[in-house]
Amino acid sequence: AGWAESLGGEGEMRVLRDQLARIAPCGPIRPAW
C-alpha cells in the first residue's frame, strides 16, 4: 500500500488501527490494541 508505506511503520499501524476501528468497531475481529 503506497499511502501506508509513505507514512512509515508507526504511522502505518496507526492508520490500519483507525481503519479497523471504523470498519468493525464491535465486530468479530476485535484488535487487542
N, C-alpha and C. Protein backbone atom coordinates (compact mmCIF):
# COMPACT_ATOMS: atom_id res chain seq x y z
N ALA A 1 0.85 -1.20 0.00
CA ALA A 1 0.00 0.00 0.00
C ALA A 1 0.88 1.25 0.00
N GLY A 2 0.90 1.96 -1.08
CA GLY A 2 1.77 3.12 -1.20
C GLY A 2 1.48 4.20 -0.17
N TRP A 3 0.21 4.51 0.06
CA TRP A 3 -0.15 5.57 1.00
C TRP A 3 0.27 5.19 2.42
N ALA A 4 0.20 3.89 2.75
CA ALA A 4 0.59 3.43 4.09
C ALA A 4 2.11 3.43 4.23
N GLU A 5 2.81 3.02 3.17
CA GLU A 5 4.27 2.96 3.22
C GLU A 5 4.88 4.35 3.38
N SER A 6 4.25 5.34 2.79
CA SER A 6 4.79 6.69 2.86
C SER A 6 4.74 7.25 4.28
N LEU A 7 3.86 6.70 5.10
CA LEU A 7 3.72 7.18 6.47
C LEU A 7 4.78 6.59 7.39
N GLY A 8 5.30 5.42 7.02
CA GLY A 8 6.29 4.76 7.87
C GLY A 8 5.63 3.71 8.73
N GLY A 9 6.45 2.94 9.47
CA GLY A 9 5.94 1.83 10.27
C GLY A 9 4.93 2.27 11.32
N GLU A 10 5.32 3.22 12.15
CA GLU A 10 4.45 3.68 13.23
C GLU A 10 3.15 4.26 12.68
N GLY A 11 3.29 5.16 11.70
CA GLY A 11 2.11 5.78 11.10
C GLY A 11 1.21 4.77 10.43
N GLU A 12 1.82 3.78 9.77
CA GLU A 12 1.04 2.76 9.07
C GLU A 12 0.16 1.98 10.04
N MET A 13 0.75 1.58 11.16
CA MET A 13 -0.02 0.82 12.16
C MET A 13 -1.15 1.68 12.72
N ARG A 14 -0.87 2.95 12.91
CA ARG A 14 -1.89 3.85 13.45
C ARG A 14 -3.05 3.98 12.47
N VAL A 15 -2.72 4.09 11.18
CA VAL A 15 -3.76 4.21 10.15
C VAL A 15 -4.58 2.93 10.06
N LEU A 16 -3.88 1.78 10.04
CA LEU A 16 -4.59 0.50 9.96
C LEU A 16 -5.50 0.32 11.17
N ARG A 17 -5.02 0.71 12.34
CA ARG A 17 -5.81 0.61 13.56
C ARG A 17 -7.07 1.47 13.44
N ASP A 18 -6.90 2.69 12.89
CA ASP A 18 -8.03 3.59 12.74
C ASP A 18 -9.04 3.02 11.74
N GLN A 19 -8.52 2.45 10.65
CA GLN A 19 -9.40 1.87 9.63
C GLN A 19 -10.20 0.71 10.21
N LEU A 20 -9.53 -0.17 10.96
CA LEU A 20 -10.22 -1.32 11.57
C LEU A 20 -11.27 -0.85 12.56
N ALA A 21 -10.95 0.20 13.30
CA ALA A 21 -11.89 0.73 14.29
C ALA A 21 -13.14 1.26 13.60
N ARG A 22 -12.98 1.81 12.40
CA ARG A 22 -14.14 2.35 11.67
C ARG A 22 -14.93 1.25 10.98
N ILE A 23 -14.20 0.27 10.42
CA ILE A 23 -14.87 -0.80 9.68
C ILE A 23 -15.65 -1.71 10.61
N ALA A 24 -15.00 -2.18 11.68
CA ALA A 24 -15.66 -3.12 12.60
C ALA A 24 -15.35 -2.76 14.05
N PRO A 25 -15.98 -1.71 14.58
CA PRO A 25 -15.72 -1.28 15.95
C PRO A 25 -16.13 -2.32 16.99
N CYS A 26 -17.12 -3.12 16.66
CA CYS A 26 -17.57 -4.15 17.61
C CYS A 26 -17.88 -5.43 16.85
N GLY A 27 -17.07 -5.69 15.82
CA GLY A 27 -17.26 -6.91 15.03
C GLY A 27 -16.51 -8.08 15.63
N PRO A 28 -16.54 -9.23 14.97
CA PRO A 28 -15.88 -10.44 15.46
C PRO A 28 -14.36 -10.30 15.49
N ILE A 29 -13.82 -9.45 14.60
CA ILE A 29 -12.37 -9.27 14.54
C ILE A 29 -12.01 -8.02 15.34
N ARG A 30 -11.91 -8.17 16.66
CA ARG A 30 -11.63 -7.02 17.52
C ARG A 30 -10.14 -6.99 17.87
N PRO A 31 -9.39 -6.02 17.39
CA PRO A 31 -7.96 -5.94 17.69
C PRO A 31 -7.73 -5.75 19.18
N ALA A 32 -6.67 -6.35 19.70
CA ALA A 32 -6.39 -6.33 21.14
C ALA A 32 -5.61 -5.09 21.56
N TRP A 33 -5.34 -4.17 20.62
CA TRP A 33 -4.59 -2.98 20.98
C TRP A 33 -5.57 -1.87 21.37
